[in-house]
Amino acid sequence: MSGQLTVREAIDRIPGWDRHDVLVEELHGGLTNRTFRATRQGTAFVLRLDAAHTGTFLLDRRLEALINSNAADAGLAPRVIFADPAAGILVSEYLHGTLWSRQSLDDHGNLVALGELLRRVHDLPLSGTRLDRHAVARHYARKLGSSAGPYAFARRCEEIIAGVPPSGDVCCCHNDVIAQNIIAVPQLRLLDWEYACDNDPLFDLASLIGFHDLGKAPAGVLLDAYSGGADGELREYLEMQLRIYDAIHWLWLANRQLLSHDRGLSTRLEELQRRIA
């Protein structure tokens, strides 16, 4: 299984690399990834490997490498240096810049710049793979099993997702636009394209708004910057995408909690459940 590769085994698979000439430092990690800074001949790279529970979260590593490469060609993402999707290996450019935080979203100019960035993201070529939100919801609901509390609300999330009509407007999307995936170098770029595929463009805005609980004013700034001045119908449609995002986000967090219990996640799940219900 790709998640069982050691760092040394992964380096041995990268053409031209020698494990004895690469300095490796572990960075942030989690249930889906193991991430390292690998320094070779004075140049730093990001080495990302699958983790034990990568398969739980429906990641398509081949699709990720394709879209990440397209985004890098457009100046929107770090360059892909090497990818072996079957082995769960991705080597990308290490960007030296300022990583955004939640506080970055309190700056009006940052929201305007992000709206402009997302317009460029949505001009990328279609990948040919569209987000099947219904399949995603069913997958996560099944993973939760038959436990009364989580499974019952998972069914509610499925109903919410099924109740939103399909969109005719589809483009290539990042699908995980949160502050921690935005870096200024100084121009803005997006990191971590593992959930990228074709989707409704407003889902990208909804992911930022929903994940960070942005209020109406900052959400309006972002939407106006993206759309060039949103009308009421567009704002209403953003609300529908936010409903979809919140439901998928709850299902994702519930699965994460099932694999690795965390008190902070319990609080967040309760907050989301109140908002969704």
C-alpha atoms as a PDB file:
ATOM      1  CA  MET A   1       0.000   0.000   0.000  1.00  0.00           C
ATOM      2  CA  SER A   2       1.353   3.445  -0.941  1.00  0.00           C
ATOM      3  CA  GLY A   3       0.771   4.818   2.555  1.00  0.00           C
ATOM      4  CA  GLN A   4       3.350   2.379   3.922  1.00  0.00           C
ATOM      5  CA  LEU A   5       6.254   3.838   1.934  1.00  0.00           C
ATOM      6  CA  THR A   6       9.032   5.209   4.118  1.00  0.00           C
ATOM      7  CA  VAL A   7      10.672   8.511   3.244  1.00  0.00           C
ATOM      8  CA  ARG A   8      13.805   6.701   2.097  1.00  0.00           C
ATOM      9  CA  GLU A   9      11.803   4.351  -0.093  1.00  0.00           C
ATOM     10  CA  ALA A  10      10.026   7.302  -1.641  1.00  0.00           C
ATOM     11  CA  ILE A  11      13.290   9.135  -2.354  1.00  0.00           C
ATOM     12  CA  ASP A  12      14.653   6.018  -4.040  1.00  0.00           C
ATOM     13  CA  ARG A  13      11.789   6.258  -6.545  1.00  0.00           C
ATOM     14  CA  ILE A  14      12.538   9.861  -7.542  1.00  0.00           C
ATOM     15  CA  PRO A  15      14.750   9.981 -10.646  1.00  0.00           C
ATOM     16  CA  GLY A  16      18.147  11.556 -10.012  1.00  0.00           C
ATOM     17  CA  TRP A  17      17.736  11.699  -6.232  1.00  0.00           C
ATOM     18  CA  ASP A  18      20.019   9.909  -3.786  1.00  0.00           C
ATOM     19  CA  ARG A  19      18.802   9.415  -0.237  1.00  0.00           C
ATOM     20  CA  HIS A  20      22.285  10.198   1.061  1.00  0.00           C
ATOM     21  CA  ASP A  21      22.223  13.661  -0.540  1.00  0.00           C
ATOM     22  CA  VAL A  22      18.759  14.727   0.654  1.00  0.00           C
ATOM     23  CA  LEU A  23      18.111  16.411   4.002  1.00  0.00           C
ATOM     24  CA  VAL A  24      14.564  15.711   5.174  1.00  0.00           C
ATOM     25  CA  GLU A  25      12.561  17.673   7.756  1.00  0.00           C
ATOM     26  CA  GLU A  26       9.004  16.690   8.666  1.00  0.00           C
ATOM     27  CA  LEU A  27       6.386  19.403   8.250  1.00  0.00           C
ATOM     28  CA  HIS A  28       2.686  19.407   9.063  1.00  0.00           C
ATOM     29  CA  GLY A  29       0.982  16.100   8.613  1.00  0.00           C
ATOM     30  CA  GLY A  30      -2.335  14.462   9.288  1.00  0.00           C
ATOM     31  CA  LEU A  31      -4.561  11.548   8.460  1.00  0.00           C
ATOM     32  CA  THR A  32      -4.333  11.991   4.693  1.00  0.00           C
ATOM     33  CA  ASN A  33      -0.721  13.072   4.170  1.00  0.00           C
ATOM     34  CA  ARG A  34       2.812  12.914   5.492  1.00  0.00           C
ATOM     35  CA  THR A  35       4.631  16.073   4.433  1.00  0.00           C
ATOM     36  CA  PHE A  36       8.347  16.877   4.472  1.00  0.00           C
ATOM     37  CA  ARG A  37      10.745  19.572   3.349  1.00  0.00           C
ATOM     38  CA  ALA A  38      13.427  17.831   1.321  1.00  0.00           C
ATOM     39  CA  THR A  39      16.574  19.852   0.635  1.00  0.00           C
ATOM     40  CA  ARG A  40      18.756  18.690  -2.238  1.00  0.00           C
ATOM     41  CA  GLN A  41      21.848  20.545  -3.488  1.00  0.00           C
ATOM     42  CA  GLY A  42      20.741  23.666  -1.633  1.00  0.00           C
ATOM     43  CA  THR A  43      17.214  23.684  -3.096  1.00  0.00           C
ATOM     44  CA  ALA A  44      14.172  22.949  -0.974  1.00  0.00           C
ATOM     45  CA  PHE A  45      11.216  20.891  -2.185  1.00  0.00           C
ATOM     46  CA  VAL A  46       7.998  19.657  -0.614  1.00  0.00           C
ATOM     47  CA  LEU A  47       7.805  15.856  -0.462  1.00  0.00           C
ATOM     48  CA  ARG A  48       4.300  14.615   0.212  1.00  0.00           C
ATOM     49  CA  LEU A  49       3.434  10.976   0.827  1.00  0.00           C
ATOM     50  CA  ASP A  50       0.180   9.158   1.404  1.00  0.00           C
ATOM     51  CA  ALA A  51      -0.685   8.324   4.995  1.00  0.00           C
ATOM     52  CA  ALA A  52      -2.507   5.428   6.621  1.00  0.00           C
ATOM     53  CA  HIS A  53      -6.007   6.838   6.060  1.00  0.00           C
ATOM     54  CA  THR A  54      -5.561   8.489   2.666  1.00  0.00           C
ATOM     55  CA  GLY A  55      -8.097   6.128   1.091  1.00  0.00           C
ATOM     56  CA  THR A  56     -10.878   7.257   3.423  1.00  0.00           C
ATOM     57  CA  PHE A  57     -11.097  10.687   1.839  1.00  0.00           C
ATOM     58  CA  LEU A  58     -11.612   9.874  -1.858  1.00  0.00           C
ATOM     59  CA  LEU A  59      -8.420  11.489  -3.150  1.00  0.00           C
ATOM     60  CA  ASP A  60      -7.459  11.118  -6.808  1.00  0.00           C
ATOM     61  CA  ARG A  61      -3.684  11.624  -6.885  1.00  0.00           C
ATOM     62  CA  ARG A  62      -3.504  11.390 -10.677  1.00  0.00           C
ATOM     63  CA  LEU A  63      -6.091  14.133 -11.091  1.00  0.00           C
ATOM     64  CA  GLU A  64      -4.394  16.244  -8.442  1.00  0.00           C
ATOM     65  CA  ALA A  65      -1.037  16.124 -10.273  1.00  0.00           C
ATOM     66  CA  LEU A  66      -2.683  17.073 -13.561  1.00  0.00           C
ATOM     67  CA  ILE A  67      -4.585  20.072 -12.189  1.00  0.00           C
ATOM     68  CA  ASN A  68      -1.669  21.191  -9.991  1.00  0.00           C
ATOM     69  CA  SER A  69       0.578  21.179 -13.075  1.00  0.00           C
ATOM     70  CA  ASN A  70      -1.944  23.206 -15.082  1.00  0.00           C
ATOM     71  CA  ALA A  71      -2.258  25.687 -12.226  1.00  0.00           C
ATOM     72  CA  ALA A  72       1.518  25.971 -11.885  1.00  0.00           C
ATOM     73  CA  ASP A  73       1.828  26.718 -15.620  1.00  0.00           C
ATOM     74  CA  ALA A  74      -0.618  29.594 -15.051  1.00  0.00           C
ATOM     75  CA  GLY A  75       1.352  30.900 -12.057  1.00  0.00           C
ATOM     76  CA  LEU A  76      -1.295  29.835  -9.541  1.00  0.00           C
ATOM     77  CA  ALA A  77       0.432  26.961  -7.719  1.00  0.00           C
ATOM     78  CA  PRO A  78       3.863  25.514  -6.895  1.00  0.00           C
ATOM     79  CA  ARG A  79       5.467  23.559  -9.733  1.00  0.00           C
ATOM     80  CA  VAL A  80       5.171  19.783  -9.715  1.00  0.00           C
ATOM     81  CA  ILE A  81       8.673  18.305  -9.834  1.00  0.00           C
ATOM     82  CA  PHE A  82       7.749  14.621  -9.715  1.00  0.00           C
ATOM     83  CA  ALA A  83       4.568  12.644  -9.231  1.00  0.00           C
ATOM     84  CA  ASP A  84       3.945   8.934  -8.798  1.00  0.00           C
ATOM     85  CA  PRO A  85       0.204   8.790  -8.056  1.00  0.00           C
ATOM     86  CA  ALA A  86       0.134   5.008  -7.667  1.00  0.00           C
ATOM     87  CA  ALA A  87       2.837   5.164  -5.008  1.00  0.00           C
ATOM     88  CA  GLY A  88       1.340   8.225  -3.328  1.00  0.00           C
ATOM     89  CA  ILE A  89       4.376  10.448  -3.980  1.00  0.00           C
ATOM     90  CA  LEU A  90       4.274  14.122  -4.948  1.00  0.00           C
ATOM     91  CA  VAL A  91       7.323  16.392  -5.067  1.00  0.00           C
ATOM     92  CA  SER A  92       6.639  20.070  -5.623  1.00  0.00           C
ATOM     93  CA  GLU A  93       8.390  23.401  -5.482  1.00  0.00           C
ATOM     94  CA  TYR A  94       8.897  24.817  -1.977  1.00  0.00           C
ATOM     95  CA  LEU A  95       7.498  28.343  -2.038  1.00  0.00           C
ATOM     96  CA  HIS A  96       9.154  30.943   0.165  1.00  0.00           C
ATOM     97  CA  GLY A  97       6.471  33.418   1.122  1.00  0.00           C
ATOM     98  CA  THR A  98       3.852  34.387   3.681  1.00  0.00           C
ATOM     99  CA  LEU A  99       1.289  31.735   4.466  1.00  0.00           C
ATOM    100  CA  TRP A 100      -2.133  33.197   5.188  1.00  0.00           C
ATOM    101  CA  SER A 101      -3.965  32.713   8.474  1.00  0.00           C
ATOM    102  CA  ARG A 102      -7.546  33.383   9.553  1.00  0.00           C
ATOM    103  CA  GLN A 103      -6.512  36.958  10.371  1.00  0.00           C
ATOM    104  CA  SER A 104      -5.498  37.514   6.742  1.00  0.00           C
ATOM    105  CA  LEU A 105      -9.175  37.389   5.833  1.00  0.00           C
ATOM    106  CA  ASP A 106      -9.899  40.480   7.918  1.00  0.00           C
ATOM    107  CA  ASP A 107      -8.042  42.587   5.334  1.00  0.00           C
ATOM    108  CA  HIS A 108     -10.299  44.006   2.608  1.00  0.00           C
ATOM    109  CA  GLY A 109      -7.459  44.082   0.080  1.00  0.00           C
ATOM    110  CA  ASN A 110      -6.653  40.427   0.681  1.00  0.00           C
ATOM    111  CA  LEU A 111     -10.240  39.397  -0.052  1.00  0.00           C
ATOM    112  CA  VAL A 112     -10.216  41.426  -3.263  1.00  0.00           C
ATOM    113  CA  ALA A 113      -6.935  39.822  -4.341  1.00  0.00           C
ATOM    114  CA  LEU A 114      -8.295  36.358  -3.537  1.00  0.00           C
ATOM    115  CA  GLY A 115     -11.432  36.981  -5.586  1.00  0.00           C
ATOM    116  CA  GLU A 116      -9.237  37.914  -8.534  1.00  0.00           C
ATOM    117  CA  LEU A 117      -7.082  34.815  -7.993  1.00  0.00           C
ATOM    118  CA  LEU A 118     -10.132  32.545  -8.038  1.00  0.00           C
ATOM    119  CA  ARG A 119     -11.251  34.017 -11.354  1.00  0.00           C
ATOM    120  CA  ARG A 120      -7.899  32.909 -12.803  1.00  0.00           C
ATOM    121  CA  VAL A 121      -8.222  29.462 -11.226  1.00  0.00           C
ATOM    122  CA  HIS A 122     -11.611  29.041 -12.875  1.00  0.00           C
ATOM    123  CA  ASP A 123     -10.082  29.857 -16.257  1.00  0.00           C
ATOM    124  CA  LEU A 124      -7.928  26.714 -16.070  1.00  0.00           C
ATOM    125  CA  PRO A 125      -8.746  23.892 -18.501  1.00  0.00           C
ATOM    126  CA  LEU A 126     -11.490  21.522 -17.426  1.00  0.00           C
ATOM    127  CA  SER A 127     -10.058  18.318 -15.972  1.00  0.00           C
ATOM    128  CA  GLY A 128     -12.825  16.077 -17.284  1.00  0.00           C
ATOM    129  CA  THR A 129     -13.713  14.860 -13.783  1.00  0.00           C
ATOM    130  CA  ARG A 130     -16.669  16.521 -12.084  1.00  0.00           C
ATOM    131  CA  LEU A 131     -17.334  16.455  -8.358  1.00  0.00           C
ATOM    132  CA  ASP A 132     -20.074  13.927  -7.676  1.00  0.00           C
ATOM    133  CA  ARG A 133     -21.351  15.432  -4.458  1.00  0.00           C
ATOM    134  CA  HIS A 134     -23.986  12.708  -4.020  1.00  0.00           C
ATOM    135  CA  ALA A 135     -21.373   9.933  -4.267  1.00  0.00           C
ATOM    136  CA  VAL A 136     -19.123  11.791  -1.832  1.00  0.00           C
ATOM    137  CA  ALA A 137     -21.949  12.131   0.684  1.00  0.00           C
ATOM    138  CA  ARG A 138     -22.922   8.459   0.375  1.00  0.00           C
ATOM    139  CA  HIS A 139     -19.298   7.373   0.816  1.00  0.00           C
ATOM    140  CA  TYR A 140     -18.778   9.391   3.987  1.00  0.00           C
ATOM    141  CA  ALA A 141     -22.162   8.386   5.423  1.00  0.00           C
ATOM    142  CA  ARG A 142     -21.387   4.685   4.921  1.00  0.00           C
ATOM    143  CA  LYS A 143     -18.010   5.102   6.601  1.00  0.00           C
ATOM    144  CA  LEU A 144     -19.732   6.390   9.723  1.00  0.00           C
ATOM    145  CA  GLY A 145     -21.512   3.075  10.136  1.00  0.00           C
ATOM    146  CA  SER A 146     -24.777   2.654  11.990  1.00  0.00           C
ATOM    147  CA  SER A 147     -24.023   4.666  15.166  1.00  0.00           C
ATOM    148  CA  ALA A 148     -27.266   6.514  15.866  1.00  0.00           C
ATOM    149  CA  GLY A 149     -26.000  10.091  16.330  1.00  0.00           C
ATOM    150  CA  PRO A 150     -23.431  10.598  13.560  1.00  0.00           C
ATOM    151  CA  TYR A 151     -25.164   8.373  11.019  1.00  0.00           C
ATOM    152  CA  ALA A 152     -28.547  10.012  11.550  1.00  0.00           C
ATOM    153  CA  PHE A 153     -27.157  13.469  10.858  1.00  0.00           C
ATOM    154  CA  ALA A 154     -25.121  12.126   7.959  1.00  0.00           C
ATOM    155  CA  ARG A 155     -28.421  11.147   6.353  1.00  0.00           C
ATOM    156  CA  ARG A 156     -29.617  14.711   6.887  1.00  0.00           C
ATOM    157  CA  CYS A 157     -26.501  15.996   5.114  1.00  0.00           C
ATOM    158  CA  GLU A 158     -27.236  13.672   2.200  1.00  0.00           C
ATOM    159  CA  GLU A 159     -30.754  15.086   1.988  1.00  0.00           C
ATOM    160  CA  ILE A 160     -29.463  18.664   1.944  1.00  0.00           C
ATOM    161  CA  ILE A 161     -26.998  17.890  -0.833  1.00  0.00           C
ATOM    162  CA  ALA A 162     -29.686  16.104  -2.863  1.00  0.00           C
ATOM    163  CA  GLY A 163     -32.033  19.051  -2.409  1.00  0.00           C
ATOM    164  CA  VAL A 164     -29.794  21.574  -4.191  1.00  0.00           C
ATOM    165  CA  PRO A 165     -30.379  21.550  -7.960  1.00  0.00           C
ATOM    166  CA  PRO A 166     -27.387  20.746 -10.185  1.00  0.00           C
ATOM    167  CA  SER A 167     -25.414  23.614 -11.636  1.00  0.00           C
ATOM    168  CA  GLY A 168     -24.945  24.235 -15.317  1.00  0.00           C
ATOM    169  CA  ASP A 169     -21.898  26.396 -14.628  1.00  0.00           C
ATOM    170  CA  VAL A 170     -18.875  24.138 -14.184  1.00  0.00           C
ATOM    171  CA  CYS A 171     -15.174  24.935 -14.244  1.00  0.00           C
ATOM    172  CA  CYS A 172     -11.914  23.641 -12.798  1.00  0.00           C
ATOM    173  CA  CYS A 173     -11.971  24.294  -9.038  1.00  0.00           C
ATOM    174  CA  HIS A 174      -9.570  23.932  -6.127  1.00  0.00           C
ATOM    175  CA  ASN A 175     -12.424  22.862  -3.789  1.00  0.00           C
ATOM    176  CA  ASP A 176     -10.440  23.478  -0.574  1.00  0.00           C
ATOM    177  CA  VAL A 177      -9.852  27.224  -0.538  1.00  0.00           C
ATOM    178  CA  ILE A 178      -8.970  27.934   3.092  1.00  0.00           C
ATOM    179  CA  ALA A 179      -6.499  30.425   4.518  1.00  0.00           C
ATOM    180  CA  GLN A 180      -3.850  27.789   5.232  1.00  0.00           C
ATOM    181  CA  ASN A 181      -3.803  26.873   1.530  1.00  0.00           C
ATOM    182  CA  ILE A 182      -3.037  30.426   0.378  1.00  0.00           C
ATOM    183  CA  ILE A 183       0.503  31.809   0.193  1.00  0.00           C
ATOM    184  CA  ALA A 184       1.788  35.209  -0.938  1.00  0.00           C
ATOM    185  CA  VAL A 185       5.147  35.008  -2.773  1.00  0.00           C
ATOM    186  CA  PRO A 186       4.307  37.985  -3.083  1.00  0.00           C
ATOM    187  CA  GLN A 187       1.647  37.142  -5.707  1.00  0.00           C
ATOM    188  CA  LEU A 188      -1.013  34.794  -4.362  1.00  0.00           C
ATOM    189  CA  ARG A 189      -0.847  31.093  -5.075  1.00  0.00           C
ATOM    190  CA  LEU A 190      -2.881  28.139  -3.863  1.00  0.00           C
ATOM    191  CA  LEU A 191      -1.390  25.081  -2.183  1.00  0.00           C
ATOM    192  CA  ASP A 192      -2.736  21.539  -1.680  1.00  0.00           C
ATOM    193  CA  TRP A 193      -4.757  20.707  -4.789  1.00  0.00           C
ATOM    194  CA  GLU A 194      -5.714  17.213  -3.619  1.00  0.00           C
ATOM    195  CA  TYR A 195      -9.481  17.825  -3.802  1.00  0.00           C
ATOM    196  CA  ALA A 196      -9.361  19.704  -7.115  1.00  0.00           C
ATOM    197  CA  CYS A 197     -11.738  18.747  -9.924  1.00  0.00           C
ATOM    198  CA  ASP A 198     -14.481  20.330 -12.027  1.00  0.00           C
ATOM    199  CA  ASN A 199     -17.243  21.868  -9.952  1.00  0.00           C
ATOM    200  CA  ASP A 200     -19.491  24.875  -9.546  1.00  0.00           C
ATOM    201  CA  PRO A 201     -17.194  27.931  -9.270  1.00  0.00           C
ATOM    202  CA  LEU A 202     -19.054  29.345  -6.286  1.00  0.00           C
ATOM    203  CA  PHE A 203     -18.137  26.241  -4.283  1.00  0.00           C
ATOM    204  CA  ASP A 204     -14.589  27.629  -4.031  1.00  0.00           C
ATOM    205  CA  LEU A 205     -15.913  30.828  -2.474  1.00  0.00           C
ATOM    206  CA  ALA A 206     -18.234  28.812  -0.238  1.00  0.00           C
ATOM    207  CA  SER A 207     -15.338  26.714   1.054  1.00  0.00           C
ATOM    208  CA  LEU A 208     -13.527  29.800   2.347  1.00  0.00           C
ATOM    209  CA  ILE A 209     -16.674  31.383   3.772  1.00  0.00           C
ATOM    210  CA  GLY A 210     -17.913  28.192   5.401  1.00  0.00           C
ATOM    211  CA  PHE A 211     -14.618  26.951   6.784  1.00  0.00           C
ATOM    212  CA  HIS A 212     -13.810  30.287   8.420  1.00  0.00           C
ATOM    213  CA  ASP A 213     -17.377  31.342   9.320  1.00  0.00           C
ATOM    214  CA  LEU A 214     -17.039  34.597   7.403  1.00  0.00           C
ATOM    215  CA  GLY A 215     -19.821  37.082   7.982  1.00  0.00           C
ATOM    216  CA  LYS A 216     -21.964  38.707   5.316  1.00  0.00           C
ATOM    217  CA  ALA A 217     -19.734  41.747   4.883  1.00  0.00           C
ATOM    218  CA  PRO A 218     -16.438  39.944   4.101  1.00  0.00           C
ATOM    219  CA  ALA A 219     -18.308  37.302   2.099  1.00  0.00           C
ATOM    220  CA  GLY A 220     -19.834  40.115   0.065  1.00  0.00           C
ATOM    221  CA  VAL A 221     -16.424  41.678  -0.565  1.00  0.00           C
ATOM    222  CA  LEU A 222     -15.090  38.350  -1.826  1.00  0.00           C
ATOM    223  CA  LEU A 223     -18.096  37.717  -4.066  1.00  0.00           C
ATOM    224  CA  ASP A 224     -18.050  41.240  -5.511  1.00  0.00           C
ATOM    225  CA  ALA A 225     -14.318  41.005  -6.235  1.00  0.00           C
ATOM    226  CA  TYR A 226     -14.835  37.657  -7.922  1.00  0.00           C
ATOM    227  CA  SER A 227     -17.924  38.556  -9.941  1.00  0.00           C
ATOM    228  CA  GLY A 228     -17.326  42.247 -10.610  1.00  0.00           C
ATOM    229  CA  GLY A 229     -20.402  43.164  -8.601  1.00  0.00           C
ATOM    230  CA  ALA A 230     -22.838  40.473  -7.530  1.00  0.00           C
ATOM    231  CA  ASP A 231     -26.590  40.701  -7.915  1.00  0.00           C
ATOM    232  CA  GLY A 232     -29.109  39.192  -5.528  1.00  0.00           C
ATOM    233  CA  GLU A 233     -29.522  36.014  -7.552  1.00  0.00           C
ATOM    234  CA  LEU A 234     -25.783  35.291  -7.440  1.00  0.00           C
ATOM    235  CA  ARG A 235     -25.709  35.859  -3.681  1.00  0.00           C
ATOM    236  CA  GLU A 236     -28.607  33.458  -3.271  1.00  0.00           C
ATOM    237  CA  TYR A 237     -26.790  30.868  -5.332  1.00  0.00           C
ATOM    238  CA  LEU A 238     -23.679  31.286  -3.193  1.00  0.00           C
ATOM    239  CA  GLU A 239     -25.854  30.456  -0.187  1.00  0.00           C
ATOM    240  CA  MET A 240     -26.872  27.191  -1.854  1.00  0.00           C
ATOM    241  CA  GLN A 241     -23.236  26.281  -2.478  1.00  0.00           C
ATOM    242  CA  LEU A 242     -22.487  27.118   1.144  1.00  0.00           C
ATOM    243  CA  ARG A 243     -25.173  24.632   2.202  1.00  0.00           C
ATOM    244  CA  ILE A 244     -23.497  21.956   0.091  1.00  0.00           C
ATOM    245  CA  TYR A 245     -20.066  22.814   1.452  1.00  0.00           C
ATOM    246  CA  ASP A 246     -21.231  22.773   5.082  1.00  0.00           C
ATOM    247  CA  ALA A 247     -22.846  19.346   4.613  1.00  0.00           C
ATOM    248  CA  ILE A 248     -19.750  17.863   2.962  1.00  0.00           C
ATOM    249  CA  HIS A 249     -17.519  19.515   5.552  1.00  0.00           C
ATOM    250  CA  TRP A 250     -19.555  17.998   8.406  1.00  0.00           C
ATOM    251  CA  LEU A 251     -19.331  14.549   6.816  1.00  0.00           C
ATOM    252  CA  TRP A 252     -15.567  14.941   6.293  1.00  0.00           C
ATOM    253  CA  LEU A 253     -14.995  16.057   9.884  1.00  0.00           C
ATOM    254  CA  ALA A 254     -17.195  13.262  11.262  1.00  0.00           C
ATOM    255  CA  ASN A 255     -15.077  10.707   9.402  1.00  0.00           C
ATOM    256  CA  ARG A 256     -11.900  12.318  10.650  1.00  0.00           C
ATOM    257  CA  GLN A 257     -13.255  12.255  14.192  1.00  0.00           C
ATOM    258  CA  LEU A 258     -14.097   8.577  13.816  1.00  0.00           C
ATOM    259  CA  LEU A 259     -10.472   7.822  12.915  1.00  0.00           C
ATOM    260  CA  SER A 260      -8.801  10.090  15.467  1.00  0.00           C
ATOM    261  CA  HIS A 261     -10.955  11.564  18.218  1.00  0.00           C
ATOM    262  CA  ASP A 262     -10.300  15.192  19.097  1.00  0.00           C
ATOM    263  CA  ARG A 263     -12.263  17.394  21.500  1.00  0.00           C
ATOM    264  CA  GLY A 264     -11.816  20.423  19.270  1.00  0.00           C
ATOM    265  CA  LEU A 265     -13.368  18.545  16.355  1.00  0.00           C
ATOM    266  CA  SER A 266     -16.344  17.624  18.526  1.00  0.00           C
ATOM    267  CA  THR A 267     -16.985  21.300  19.202  1.00  0.00           C
ATOM    268  CA  ARG A 268     -16.678  22.166  15.517  1.00  0.00           C
ATOM    269  CA  LEU A 269     -19.031  19.360  14.511  1.00  0.00           C
ATOM    270  CA  GLU A 270     -21.630  20.640  16.972  1.00  0.00           C
ATOM    271  CA  GLU A 271     -21.293  24.194  15.608  1.00  0.00           C
ATOM    272  CA  LEU A 272     -21.694  23.017  12.039  1.00  0.00           C
ATOM    273  CA  GLN A 273     -24.616  20.798  12.924  1.00  0.00           C
ATOM    274  CA  ARG A 274     -26.480  23.749  14.454  1.00  0.00           C
ATOM    275  CA  ARG A 275     -25.795  25.877  11.387  1.00  0.00           C
ATOM    276  CA  ILE A 276     -26.889  23.164   8.969  1.00  0.00           C
ATOM    277  CA  ALA A 277     -29.983  22.177  10.935  1.00  0.00           C
END
